[in-house]
Amino acid sequence: MEQFTTKDLEVISHLMRAEQIACKKARIYANTLTDVDLAAQMQALADGHERRFNNLLTLLSGGGV
């Protein structure tokens, strides 16, 4: 398991929060948009943010990315 400094954990925490917020916003936009193509693009963006959040979570739990 990797040893993270306090600063490392602070940065990872900040990144995870940003990815979480971006994912939630993109999902809201995807569900609100009436243009099907734009909604699909927002859904894809949300999926990417969720993937990055999960990768950071895996990194913290010692799984590596």
Protein backbone atom coordinates (compact mmCIF):
# COMPACT_ATOMS: atom_id res chain seq x y z
CA MET A 1 0.00 0.00 0.00
CA GLU A 2 1.30 3.43 -0.90
CA GLN A 3 2.06 5.91 1.81
CA PHE A 4 0.48 9.28 1.09
CA THR A 5 1.54 12.51 2.71
CA THR A 6 -1.04 14.81 4.23
CA LYS A 7 -0.66 17.09 1.21
CA ASP A 8 -1.21 14.14 -1.17
CA LEU A 9 -4.43 13.23 0.63
CA GLU A 10 -5.57 16.84 0.57
CA VAL A 11 -5.02 17.10 -3.18
CA ILE A 12 -6.69 13.74 -3.89
CA SER A 13 -9.64 14.72 -1.71
CA HIS A 14 -9.99 18.01 -3.58
CA LEU A 15 -9.85 16.20 -6.94
CA MET A 16 -12.43 13.65 -5.85
CA ARG A 17 -14.82 16.38 -4.71
CA ALA A 18 -14.39 18.23 -8.01
CA GLU A 19 -15.05 15.04 -10.02
CA GLN A 20 -18.10 14.26 -7.89
CA ILE A 21 -19.59 17.73 -8.40
CA ALA A 22 -18.85 17.71 -12.15
CA CYS A 23 -20.45 14.27 -12.49
CA LYS A 24 -23.61 15.35 -10.68
CA LYS A 25 -23.93 18.52 -12.78
CA ALA A 26 -23.39 16.66 -16.05
CA ARG A 27 -26.03 14.08 -15.07
CA ILE A 28 -28.51 16.85 -14.24
CA TYR A 29 -27.82 18.49 -17.61
CA ALA A 30 -28.15 15.15 -19.40
CA ASN A 31 -31.57 14.62 -17.82
CA THR A 32 -32.69 18.19 -18.49
CA LEU A 33 -31.59 18.73 -22.09
CA THR A 34 -34.16 18.16 -24.81
CA ASP A 35 -31.56 17.80 -27.58
CA VAL A 36 -30.81 14.07 -27.68
CA ASP A 37 -27.25 14.50 -28.99
CA LEU A 38 -26.32 17.04 -26.32
CA ALA A 39 -27.90 14.89 -23.63
CA ALA A 40 -25.81 11.92 -24.80
CA GLN A 41 -22.65 14.05 -24.71
CA MET A 42 -23.45 15.19 -21.17
CA GLN A 43 -24.03 11.58 -20.16
CA ALA A 44 -20.64 10.63 -21.61
CA LEU A 45 -19.02 13.50 -19.69
CA ALA A 46 -20.68 12.34 -16.48
CA ASP A 47 -19.44 8.80 -17.07
CA GLY A 48 -15.89 10.10 -17.51
CA HIS A 49 -16.06 12.07 -14.27
CA GLU A 50 -17.43 9.04 -12.45
CA ARG A 51 -14.61 6.87 -13.86
CA ARG A 52 -11.97 9.35 -12.67
CA PHE A 53 -13.60 9.54 -9.22
CA ASN A 54 -13.55 5.74 -8.97
CA ASN A 55 -9.91 5.62 -10.11
CA LEU A 56 -8.95 8.05 -7.34
CA LEU A 57 -10.92 5.99 -4.83
CA THR A 58 -9.12 2.86 -5.97
CA LEU A 59 -5.78 4.65 -5.63
CA LEU A 60 -6.63 5.59 -2.04
CA SER A 61 -7.65 2.05 -1.17
CA GLY A 62 -4.28 0.76 -2.37
CA GLY A 63 -5.47 -0.85 -5.58
CA GLY A 64 -3.44 1.33 -7.91
CA VAL A 65 -4.80 2.70 -11.15
